[in-house]
C-alpha atoms as a PDB file:
ATOM      1  CA  MET A   1      -5.113 -14.360  20.744  1.00  0.00           C
ATOM      2  CA  ALA A   2      -6.498 -11.251  22.409  1.00  0.00           C
ATOM      3  CA  CYS A   3      -4.414  -8.841  24.470  1.00  0.00           C
ATOM      4  CA  ALA A   4      -4.767  -8.950  28.243  1.00  0.00           C
ATOM      5  CA  ALA A   5      -4.748  -5.155  28.275  1.00  0.00           C
ATOM      6  CA  THR A   6      -8.063  -5.043  26.502  1.00  0.00           C
ATOM      7  CA  HIS A   7      -9.455  -8.382  27.660  1.00  0.00           C
ATOM      8  CA  PRO A   8      -8.738  -8.629  31.429  1.00  0.00           C
ATOM      9  CA  GLY A   9     -10.706 -11.857  31.683  1.00  0.00           C
ATOM     10  CA  VAL A  10      -8.041 -13.852  29.807  1.00  0.00           C
ATOM     11  CA  PRO A  11      -6.121 -16.339  32.042  1.00  0.00           C
ATOM     12  CA  ARG A  12      -2.604 -15.265  33.019  1.00  0.00           C
ATOM     13  CA  GLN A  13      -0.874 -18.055  31.069  1.00  0.00           C
ATOM     14  CA  LEU A  14      -2.771 -17.197  27.892  1.00  0.00           C
ATOM     15  CA  ALA A  15      -2.167 -13.509  28.459  1.00  0.00           C
ATOM     16  CA  ARG A  16       1.571 -14.164  28.926  1.00  0.00           C
ATOM     17  CA  ARG A  17       1.636 -16.189  25.699  1.00  0.00           C
ATOM     18  CA  GLY A  18      -0.221 -13.418  23.886  1.00  0.00           C
ATOM     19  CA  ARG A  19       2.313 -10.858  25.113  1.00  0.00           C
ATOM     20  CA  GLU A  20       5.193 -13.076  23.965  1.00  0.00           C
ATOM     21  CA  GLN A  21       3.655 -13.514  20.503  1.00  0.00           C
ATOM     22  CA  HIS A  22       2.960  -9.791  20.293  1.00  0.00           C
ATOM     23  CA  ALA A  23       6.540  -8.991  21.338  1.00  0.00           C
ATOM     24  CA  GLY A  24       7.868 -11.485  18.790  1.00  0.00           C
ATOM     25  CA  SER A  25       6.016  -9.757  16.006  1.00  0.00           C
ATOM     26  CA  ARG A  26       7.868  -6.532  16.839  1.00  0.00           C
ATOM     27  CA  SER A  27      11.127  -7.974  15.527  1.00  0.00           C
ATOM     28  CA  LEU A  28       9.702  -8.850  12.113  1.00  0.00           C
ATOM     29  CA  SER A  29      10.806  -6.553   9.283  1.00  0.00           C
ATOM     30  CA  LEU A  30       9.933  -6.673   5.622  1.00  0.00           C
ATOM     31  CA  ALA A  31      12.563  -7.861   3.172  1.00  0.00           C
ATOM     32  CA  SER A  32      12.397  -4.473   1.468  1.00  0.00           C
ATOM     33  CA  GLY A  33      13.879  -2.806   4.548  1.00  0.00           C
ATOM     34  CA  LEU A  34      10.736  -1.704   6.366  1.00  0.00           C
ATOM     35  CA  PRO A  35      11.053  -1.229  10.132  1.00  0.00           C
ATOM     36  CA  SER A  36       8.976  -3.358  12.432  1.00  0.00           C
ATOM     37  CA  LEU A  37       5.322  -3.032  11.497  1.00  0.00           C
ATOM     38  CA  ALA A  38       4.085  -3.818  14.999  1.00  0.00           C
ATOM     39  CA  SER A  39       6.534  -1.649  16.897  1.00  0.00           C
ATOM     40  CA  ALA A  40       4.026   1.045  17.787  1.00  0.00           C
ATOM     41  CA  LYS A  41       3.049   1.281  21.449  1.00  0.00           C
ATOM     42  CA  PRO A  42      -0.471   0.159  22.350  1.00  0.00           C
ATOM     43  CA  PRO A  43      -2.917   3.078  22.362  1.00  0.00           C
ATOM     44  CA  ARG A  44      -4.620   4.467  25.403  1.00  0.00           C
ATOM     45  CA  PRO A  45      -7.946   2.897  26.506  1.00  0.00           C
ATOM     46  CA  ASP A  46      -9.857   5.842  25.020  1.00  0.00           C
ATOM     47  CA  SER A  47      -8.049   5.565  21.661  1.00  0.00           C
ATOM     48  CA  PRO A  48     -10.090   4.516  18.582  1.00  0.00           C
ATOM     49  CA  TRP A  49      -7.369   2.003  17.533  1.00  0.00           C
ATOM     50  CA  PRO A  50      -7.362  -1.595  18.774  1.00  0.00           C
ATOM     51  CA  ALA A  51      -4.621  -2.551  21.194  1.00  0.00           C
ATOM     52  CA  CYS A  52      -3.106  -5.172  18.878  1.00  0.00           C
ATOM     53  CA  SER A  53      -3.693  -6.968  15.618  1.00  0.00           C
ATOM     54  CA  SER A  54      -4.760 -10.126  17.452  1.00  0.00           C
ATOM     55  CA  CYS A  55      -8.061  -8.601  18.520  1.00  0.00           C
ATOM     56  CA  PRO A  56     -11.091  -9.847  16.550  1.00  0.00           C
ATOM     57  CA  ARG A  57     -11.935  -7.963  13.383  1.00  0.00           C
ATOM     58  CA  MET A  58     -15.377  -6.811  12.394  1.00  0.00           C
ATOM     59  CA  GLU A  59     -17.923  -9.076  10.785  1.00  0.00           C
ATOM     60  CA  GLY A  60     -17.538  -9.240   7.015  1.00  0.00           C
ATOM     61  CA  SER A  61     -13.965  -7.892   7.086  1.00  0.00           C
ATOM     62  CA  GLU A  62     -12.584 -11.097   5.542  1.00  0.00           C
ATOM     63  CA  GLU A  63     -14.837 -10.668   2.503  1.00  0.00           C
ATOM     64  CA  LEU A  64     -13.785  -7.031   2.191  1.00  0.00           C
ATOM     65  CA  GLU A  65     -10.108  -7.934   2.455  1.00  0.00           C
ATOM     66  CA  SER A  66     -10.497 -10.591  -0.234  1.00  0.00           C
ATOM     67  CA  SER A  67     -12.015  -7.946  -2.501  1.00  0.00           C
ATOM     68  CA  LEU A  68      -9.192  -5.576  -1.568  1.00  0.00           C
ATOM     69  CA  LEU A  69      -6.679  -8.060  -3.008  1.00  0.00           C
ATOM     70  CA  THR A  70      -7.975  -7.286  -6.500  1.00  0.00           C
ATOM     71  CA  GLN A  71      -7.543  -3.527  -6.063  1.00  0.00           C
ATOM     72  CA  PRO A  72      -4.358  -1.828  -7.328  1.00  0.00           C
ATOM     73  CA  TRP A  73      -2.100   0.327  -5.194  1.00  0.00           C
ATOM     74  CA  ALA A  74      -1.920   4.043  -5.925  1.00  0.00           C
ATOM     75  CA  SER A  75       0.434   6.822  -4.881  1.00  0.00           C
ATOM     76  CA  VAL A  76      -1.281   9.652  -2.944  1.00  0.00           C
ATOM     77  CA  CYS A  77       0.053  12.838  -1.356  1.00  0.00           C
ATOM     78  CA  PHE A  78      -1.197  14.540   1.804  1.00  0.00           C
ATOM     79  CA  GLY A  79       0.713  17.781   2.180  1.00  0.00           C
ATOM     80  CA  GLU A  80       4.394  16.904   1.803  1.00  0.00           C
ATOM     81  CA  SER A  81       3.883  13.250   2.755  1.00  0.00           C
ATOM     82  CA  THR A  82       3.604  10.529   0.114  1.00  0.00           C
ATOM     83  CA  PHE A  83       1.779   7.241   0.683  1.00  0.00           C
ATOM     84  CA  LEU A  84       0.750   4.112  -1.133  1.00  0.00           C
ATOM     85  CA  ALA A  85      -2.924   3.301  -0.625  1.00  0.00           C
ATOM     86  CA  LYS A  86      -5.694   1.003  -1.767  1.00  0.00           C
ATOM     87  CA  ALA A  87      -9.325   0.741  -0.691  1.00  0.00           C
ATOM     88  CA  CYS A  88     -12.465  -1.274  -1.234  1.00  0.00           C
ATOM     89  CA  PHE A  89     -16.019  -0.090  -0.545  1.00  0.00           C
ATOM     90  CA  ARG A  90     -19.150  -2.247  -0.398  1.00  0.00           C
ATOM     91  CA  ASP A  91     -22.694  -1.778   0.885  1.00  0.00           C
ATOM     92  CA  THR A  92     -21.580  -3.626   4.030  1.00  0.00           C
ATOM     93  CA  GLY A  93     -18.664  -1.293   4.825  1.00  0.00           C
ATOM     94  CA  TYR A  94     -15.149  -0.515   3.657  1.00  0.00           C
ATOM     95  CA  ILE A  95     -11.486  -1.394   4.152  1.00  0.00           C
ATOM     96  CA  LEU A  96      -8.529   0.950   3.638  1.00  0.00           C
ATOM     97  CA  LEU A  97      -4.847  -0.013   3.495  1.00  0.00           C
ATOM     98  CA  ILE A  98      -2.168   2.694   3.486  1.00  0.00           C
ATOM     99  CA  SER A  99       1.629   2.711   3.809  1.00  0.00           C
ATOM    100  CA  ASP A 100       4.576   5.104   3.774  1.00  0.00           C
ATOM    101  CA  LEU A 101       6.991   2.127   3.337  1.00  0.00           C
ATOM    102  CA  SER A 102       8.050   2.545   6.969  1.00  0.00           C
ATOM    103  CA  SER A 103       4.748   1.352   8.419  1.00  0.00           C
ATOM    104  CA  VAL A 104       1.480  -0.061   7.119  1.00  0.00           C
ATOM    105  CA  TRP A 105      -1.929   0.860   8.548  1.00  0.00           C
ATOM    106  CA  TYR A 106      -5.483  -0.223   7.833  1.00  0.00           C
ATOM    107  CA  GLU A 107      -9.078   0.261   8.869  1.00  0.00           C
ATOM    108  CA  SER A 108     -12.002  -2.077   8.338  1.00  0.00           C
ATOM    109  CA  ALA A 109     -15.411  -0.614   9.188  1.00  0.00           C
ATOM    110  CA  ASP A 110     -18.900  -2.091   8.829  1.00  0.00           C
ATOM    111  CA  VAL A 111     -22.211  -0.220   8.491  1.00  0.00           C
ATOM    112  CA  GLU A 112     -22.645  -0.022  12.274  1.00  0.00           C
ATOM    113  CA  VAL A 113     -19.299   1.745  12.720  1.00  0.00           C
ATOM    114  CA  VAL A 114     -19.965   4.008   9.737  1.00  0.00           C
ATOM    115  CA  GLY A 115     -23.392   4.940  11.101  1.00  0.00           C
ATOM    116  CA  GLN A 116     -22.105   5.708  14.598  1.00  0.00           C
ATOM    117  CA  ARG A 117     -19.137   7.747  13.397  1.00  0.00           C
ATOM    118  CA  SER A 118     -21.227   9.685  10.894  1.00  0.00           C
ATOM    119  CA  LYS A 119     -23.561  10.767  13.711  1.00  0.00           C
ATOM    120  CA  GLU A 120     -20.605  11.988  15.756  1.00  0.00           C
ATOM    121  CA  LEU A 121     -18.928  13.893  12.920  1.00  0.00           C
ATOM    122  CA  ASN A 122     -21.958  15.092  10.950  1.00  0.00           C
ATOM    123  CA  LYS A 123     -24.710  16.011  13.365  1.00  0.00           C
ATOM    124  CA  ARG A 124     -26.542  18.140  10.764  1.00  0.00           C
ATOM    125  CA  LEU A 125     -26.725  15.322   8.213  1.00  0.00           C
ATOM    126  CA  THR A 126     -29.556  12.811   8.561  1.00  0.00           C
ATOM    127  CA  VAL A 127     -28.993  10.758   5.403  1.00  0.00           C
ATOM    128  CA  HIS A 128     -28.862   6.946   5.368  1.00  0.00           C
ATOM    129  CA  VAL A 129     -25.605   5.113   6.043  1.00  0.00           C
ATOM    130  CA  SER A 130     -25.527   3.965   2.407  1.00  0.00           C
ATOM    131  CA  SER A 131     -25.275   7.619   1.350  1.00  0.00           C
ATOM    132  CA  PHE A 132     -22.190   8.097   3.525  1.00  0.00           C
ATOM    133  CA  LEU A 133     -20.580   4.970   2.068  1.00  0.00           C
ATOM    134  CA  HIS A 134     -21.409   6.057  -1.476  1.00  0.00           C
ATOM    135  CA  ARG A 135     -19.908   9.500  -0.864  1.00  0.00           C
ATOM    136  CA  LEU A 136     -16.772   8.048   0.738  1.00  0.00           C
ATOM    137  CA  ARG A 137     -16.374   5.606  -2.151  1.00  0.00           C
ATOM    138  CA  LYS A 138     -16.613   8.406  -4.695  1.00  0.00           C
ATOM    139  CA  LEU A 139     -14.124  10.620  -2.844  1.00  0.00           C
ATOM    140  CA  MET A 140     -11.561   7.871  -2.280  1.00  0.00           C
ATOM    141  CA  CYS A 141     -11.833   6.437  -5.792  1.00  0.00           C
ATOM    142  CA  SER A 142     -11.206   9.902  -7.227  1.00  0.00           C
ATOM    143  CA  LEU A 143      -8.218  10.366  -4.923  1.00  0.00           C
ATOM    144  CA  LEU A 144      -6.694   6.988  -5.809  1.00  0.00           C
ATOM    145  CA  ALA A 145      -7.252   7.657  -9.510  1.00  0.00           C
ATOM    146  CA  GLY A 146      -5.195  10.839  -9.225  1.00  0.00           C
ATOM    147  CA  GLN A 147      -8.224  13.085  -9.784  1.00  0.00           C
ATOM    148  CA  PRO A 148      -9.269  14.303  -6.307  1.00  0.00           C
ATOM    149  CA  ASP A 149     -12.401  16.395  -5.920  1.00  0.00           C
ATOM    150  CA  THR A 150     -11.423  20.067  -5.935  1.00  0.00           C
ATOM    151  CA  ALA A 151     -13.961  20.800  -3.176  1.00  0.00           C
ATOM    152  CA  THR A 152     -12.495  18.085  -0.929  1.00  0.00           C
ATOM    153  CA  SER A 153      -9.436  18.251   1.307  1.00  0.00           C
ATOM    154  CA  PHE A 154      -7.455  15.392   2.857  1.00  0.00           C
ATOM    155  CA  SER A 155      -5.011  15.511   5.758  1.00  0.00           C
ATOM    156  CA  CYS A 156      -3.304  12.854   7.858  1.00  0.00           C
ATOM    157  CA  HIS A 157      -1.891  12.758  11.385  1.00  0.00           C
ATOM    158  CA  HIS A 158       0.038  10.165  13.381  1.00  0.00           C
ATOM    159  CA  ILE A 159      -1.864   9.587  16.610  1.00  0.00           C
ATOM    160  CA  ALA A 160      -1.433   6.995  19.374  1.00  0.00           C
ATOM    161  CA  GLY A 161       0.414   4.456  17.259  1.00  0.00           C
ATOM    162  CA  GLY A 162      -2.047   4.783  14.377  1.00  0.00           C
ATOM    163  CA  LEU A 163      -2.777   7.016  11.436  1.00  0.00           C
ATOM    164  CA  SER A 164      -5.783   9.323  11.190  1.00  0.00           C
ATOM    165  CA  LEU A 165      -6.892  10.400   7.722  1.00  0.00           C
ATOM    166  CA  HIS A 166      -9.256  13.376   7.857  1.00  0.00           C
ATOM    167  CA  VAL A 167     -11.638  14.172   4.985  1.00  0.00           C
ATOM    168  CA  LYS A 168     -13.518  17.437   4.559  1.00  0.00           C
ATOM    169  CA  SER A 169     -16.109  17.687   1.777  1.00  0.00           C
ATOM    170  CA  GLU A 170     -19.812  18.285   1.118  1.00  0.00           C
ATOM    171  CA  LEU A 171     -22.892  16.072   1.022  1.00  0.00           C
ATOM    172  CA  SER A 172     -26.392  17.222   0.104  1.00  0.00           C
ATOM    173  CA  GLY A 173     -25.208  20.829   0.232  1.00  0.00           C
ATOM    174  CA  LEU A 174     -23.931  20.534   3.808  1.00  0.00           C
ATOM    175  CA  PRO A 175     -20.389  20.122   5.190  1.00  0.00           C
ATOM    176  CA  PHE A 176     -19.318  16.481   5.321  1.00  0.00           C
ATOM    177  CA  TYR A 177     -16.489  15.252   7.557  1.00  0.00           C
ATOM    178  CA  TRP A 178     -14.921  11.858   7.928  1.00  0.00           C
ATOM    179  CA  ASP A 179     -12.015  10.349   9.861  1.00  0.00           C
ATOM    180  CA  PHE A 180     -10.376   7.067   8.911  1.00  0.00           C
ATOM    181  CA  HIS A 181      -8.979   5.556  12.135  1.00  0.00           C
ATOM    182  CA  CYS A 182      -6.165   3.323  10.872  1.00  0.00           C
ATOM    183  CA  CYS A 183      -4.220   1.001  13.160  1.00  0.00           C
ATOM    184  CA  PRO A 184      -1.018  -0.981  12.386  1.00  0.00           C
ATOM    185  CA  ALA A 185      -1.817  -3.722   9.876  1.00  0.00           C
ATOM    186  CA  PRO A 186      -1.232  -7.355  10.884  1.00  0.00           C
ATOM    187  CA  VAL A 187       1.912  -8.901   9.408  1.00  0.00           C
ATOM    188  CA  GLU A 188      -0.145 -11.443   7.442  1.00  0.00           C
ATOM    189  CA  MET A 189      -2.133  -8.660   5.787  1.00  0.00           C
ATOM    190  CA  VAL A 190       1.063  -6.819   4.834  1.00  0.00           C
ATOM    191  CA  SER A 191       2.460 -10.036   3.415  1.00  0.00           C
ATOM    192  CA  ARG A 192      -0.639 -10.772   1.331  1.00  0.00           C
ATOM    193  CA  HIS A 193      -1.102  -7.283  -0.061  1.00  0.00           C
ATOM    194  CA  LEU A 194       2.453  -5.980  -0.378  1.00  0.00           C
ATOM    195  CA  VAL A 195       5.351  -8.375   0.209  1.00  0.00           C
ATOM    196  CA  ARG A 196       4.296 -11.471  -1.735  1.00  0.00           C
ATOM    197  CA  PRO A 197       2.962  -9.547  -4.766  1.00  0.00           C
ATOM    198  CA  LEU A 198       6.204  -7.551  -4.930  1.00  0.00           C
ATOM    199  CA  ILE A 199       8.307 -10.708  -4.710  1.00  0.00           C
ATOM    200  CA  ARG A 200       6.310 -12.374  -7.462  1.00  0.00           C
ATOM    201  CA  MET A 201       6.534  -9.270  -9.644  1.00  0.00           C
ATOM    202  CA  SER A 202      10.278  -9.020  -8.975  1.00  0.00           C
ATOM    203  CA  LEU A 203      10.773 -12.643 -10.078  1.00  0.00           C
ATOM    204  CA  ALA A 204       8.707 -12.052 -13.217  1.00  0.00           C
ATOM    205  CA  LEU A 205      10.791  -8.984 -14.081  1.00  0.00           C
ATOM    206  CA  GLN A 206      14.006 -10.937 -13.512  1.00  0.00           C
ATOM    207  CA  TYR A 207      12.827 -13.610 -15.963  1.00  0.00           C
ATOM    208  CA  GLN A 208      11.907 -10.880 -18.437  1.00  0.00           C
ATOM    209  CA  VAL A 209      15.342  -9.249 -18.134  1.00  0.00           C
ATOM    210  CA  GLN A 210      17.046 -12.614 -18.628  1.00  0.00           C
ATOM    211  CA  GLY A 211      14.995 -13.221 -21.764  1.00  0.00           C
ATOM    212  CA  LEU A 212      15.747  -9.767 -23.176  1.00  0.00           C
ATOM    213  CA  THR A 213      19.457 -10.126 -22.374  1.00  0.00           C
ATOM    214  CA  SER A 214      19.592 -13.469 -24.195  1.00  0.00           C
ATOM    215  CA  LEU A 215      17.792 -11.924 -27.186  1.00  0.00           C
ATOM    216  CA  LEU A 216      20.239  -8.998 -27.333  1.00  0.00           C
ATOM    217  CA  LEU A 217      23.234 -11.339 -27.278  1.00  0.00           C
ATOM    218  CA  GLN A 218      21.700 -13.372 -30.103  1.00  0.00           C
ATOM    219  CA  LYS A 219      21.130 -10.192 -32.121  1.00  0.00           C
ATOM    220  CA  ASP A 220      24.746  -9.151 -31.587  1.00  0.00           C
ATOM    221  CA  ALA A 221      25.928 -12.552 -32.804  1.00  0.00           C
ATOM    222  CA  GLU A 222      23.662 -12.237 -35.864  1.00  0.00           C
ATOM    223  CA  ILE A 223      24.981  -8.734 -36.681  1.00  0.00           C
ATOM    224  CA  GLU A 224      28.574  -9.906 -36.289  1.00  0.00           C
ATOM    225  CA  ASP A 225      27.900 -12.743 -38.716  1.00  0.00           C
ATOM    226  CA  TYR A 226      26.560 -10.243 -41.258  1.00  0.00           C
ATOM    227  CA  ARG A 227      29.688  -8.105 -40.858  1.00  0.00           C
ATOM    228  CA  GLU A 228      31.987 -11.076 -41.351  1.00  0.00           C
ATOM    229  CA  SER A 229      30.054 -11.877 -44.534  1.00  0.00           C
ATOM    230  CA  GLY A 230      30.836  -8.416 -45.894  1.00  0.00           C
ATOM    231  CA  ALA A 231      27.502  -6.718 -45.179  1.00  0.00           C
ATOM    232  CA  THR A 232      27.623  -2.969 -44.475  1.00  0.00           C
ATOM    233  CA  LEU A 233      25.144  -0.447 -43.097  1.00  0.00           C
ATOM    234  CA  SER A 234      23.533   1.913 -45.578  1.00  0.00           C
ATOM    235  CA  ARG A 235      23.062   4.463 -42.757  1.00  0.00           C
ATOM    236  CA  ASP A 236      25.956   4.780 -40.345  1.00  0.00           C
ATOM    237  CA  ARG A 237      23.776   6.373 -37.633  1.00  0.00           C
ATOM    238  CA  LEU A 238      22.152   2.955 -37.061  1.00  0.00           C
ATOM    239  CA  ARG A 239      25.446   1.434 -35.900  1.00  0.00           C
ATOM    240  CA  THR A 240      25.394   0.128 -32.317  1.00  0.00           C
ATOM    241  CA  GLU A 241      27.993  -1.196 -29.903  1.00  0.00           C
ATOM    242  CA  PRO A 242      27.846  -4.838 -28.739  1.00  0.00           C
ATOM    243  CA  PHE A 243      25.685  -5.276 -25.639  1.00  0.00           C
ATOM    244  CA  ARG A 244      27.663  -5.648 -22.390  1.00  0.00           C
ATOM    245  CA  GLN A 245      25.468  -6.905 -19.581  1.00  0.00           C
ATOM    246  CA  ASP A 246      27.746  -5.962 -16.663  1.00  0.00           C
ATOM    247  CA  MET A 247      28.213  -2.413 -17.916  1.00  0.00           C
ATOM    248  CA  PHE A 248      24.478  -2.010 -18.548  1.00  0.00           C
ATOM    249  CA  GLN A 249      23.594  -3.119 -14.987  1.00  0.00           C
ATOM    250  CA  GLN A 250      26.156  -0.750 -13.447  1.00  0.00           C
ATOM    251  CA  ASN A 251      24.865   2.218 -15.433  1.00  0.00           C
ATOM    252  CA  PHE A 252      21.251   1.344 -14.627  1.00  0.00           C
ATOM    253  CA  MET A 253      21.850   1.157 -10.863  1.00  0.00           C
ATOM    254  CA  ALA A 254      23.843   4.401 -10.897  1.00  0.00           C
ATOM    255  CA  GLU A 255      20.997   6.149 -12.731  1.00  0.00           C
ATOM    256  CA  CYS A 256      18.423   4.856 -10.210  1.00  0.00           C
ATOM    257  CA  VAL A 257      20.497   6.167  -7.282  1.00  0.00           C
ATOM    258  CA  CYS A 258      20.830   9.586  -8.918  1.00  0.00           C
ATOM    259  CA  ARG A 259      17.081   9.777  -9.513  1.00  0.00           C
ATOM    260  CA  GLN A 260      16.276   8.906  -5.906  1.00  0.00           C
ATOM    261  CA  ARG A 261      18.685  11.513  -4.539  1.00  0.00           C
ATOM    262  CA  GLY A 262      17.056  14.185  -6.682  1.00  0.00           C
ATOM    263  CA  GLN A 263      13.537  13.512  -5.366  1.00  0.00           C
ATOM    264  CA  ARG A 264      11.892  15.468  -2.531  1.00  0.00           C
ATOM    265  CA  THR A 265       9.594  12.544  -1.777  1.00  0.00           C
ATOM    266  CA  PRO A 266      10.927   9.059  -0.893  1.00  0.00           C
ATOM    267  CA  GLY A 267      12.476   7.491  -3.981  1.00  0.00           C
ATOM    268  CA  PRO A 268      11.055   3.970  -3.470  1.00  0.00           C
ATOM    269  CA  LEU A 269       7.491   5.283  -3.641  1.00  0.00           C
ATOM    270  CA  MET A 270       8.192   6.933  -6.986  1.00  0.00           C
ATOM    271  CA  PHE A 271       9.428   3.657  -8.453  1.00  0.00           C
ATOM    272  CA  LEU A 272       6.983   1.335  -6.676  1.00  0.00           C
ATOM    273  CA  ALA A 273       3.719   3.146  -7.362  1.00  0.00           C
ATOM    274  CA  PRO A 274       3.605   2.476 -11.147  1.00  0.00           C
ATOM    275  CA  ALA A 275       4.614  -1.149 -10.622  1.00  0.00           C
ATOM    276  CA  LEU A 276       2.151  -1.717  -7.773  1.00  0.00           C
ATOM    277  CA  ALA A 277      -0.676  -0.282  -9.859  1.00  0.00           C
ATOM    278  CA  GLY A 278      -0.603  -3.427 -11.976  1.00  0.00           C
ATOM    279  CA  ILE A 279       0.088  -6.223  -9.515  1.00  0.00           C
ATOM    280  CA  SER A 280      -3.439  -6.959  -8.272  1.00  0.00           C
ATOM    281  CA  SER A 281      -3.436 -10.157 -10.374  1.00  0.00           C
ATOM    282  CA  TRP A 282      -0.186 -11.289  -8.698  1.00  0.00           C
ATOM    283  CA  ASN A 283      -1.700 -11.610  -5.227  1.00  0.00           C
ATOM    284  CA  VAL A 284      -1.756 -15.009  -3.589  1.00  0.00           C
ATOM    285  CA  SER A 285      -3.962 -16.070  -0.727  1.00  0.00           C
END
């Protein structure tokens, strides 16, 4: 459903229904405590961001998003701000997904958009669009791998309900500039790339903890049987106390809280980034 603000030709009843659906999406929050992902105000008519997530996406974006599902998340820093990001580049364009765990933004751009924007930002460069995509892929892959190009700078700004990621580098010996114009990601995209994989990973970790807890209790029972049979340790430093599950969980949660309070950057990002780096295989369509 398209917004009436950007598509004035839509009948009033359909426009009213679109506004109701759009307003309904504002109340949706992620289970992890994220605020509404669609709460940003619609941008001005001259803004580069679409008015709402219901507007049609670019041709080939579905294929790019499917490829993005296989890409891992990575923790990136722009100044004092920390984000989770993932990206996928192809000869047909690119898609970028980025989040600060309060909001999630994305941009999907095809070769036509890349070509037009490159002309606006890099008037001195006359290289083919494929060269721009190749350069962007190299810069972003290095950033996501934690090895950013030393001659490249990144900065981000919140503008008109979206997120602008500015890149300054070089190409063919000349200055190279790029702006990623990211708008709020649709709820379904956030669910596919972030919520469902995290839930599946959380369930898998719970099963793993249950299995390890059961194994520890069995080991304690085995050790106690040895002691009752008269067995003794040859090295007293190897002695351990019986495993107490409740006490272990309390100590673990207290340690996590202390670690988060001692971090300058948001604690959840510190803990999520390593886990998210390996959950690409947990995505579900």
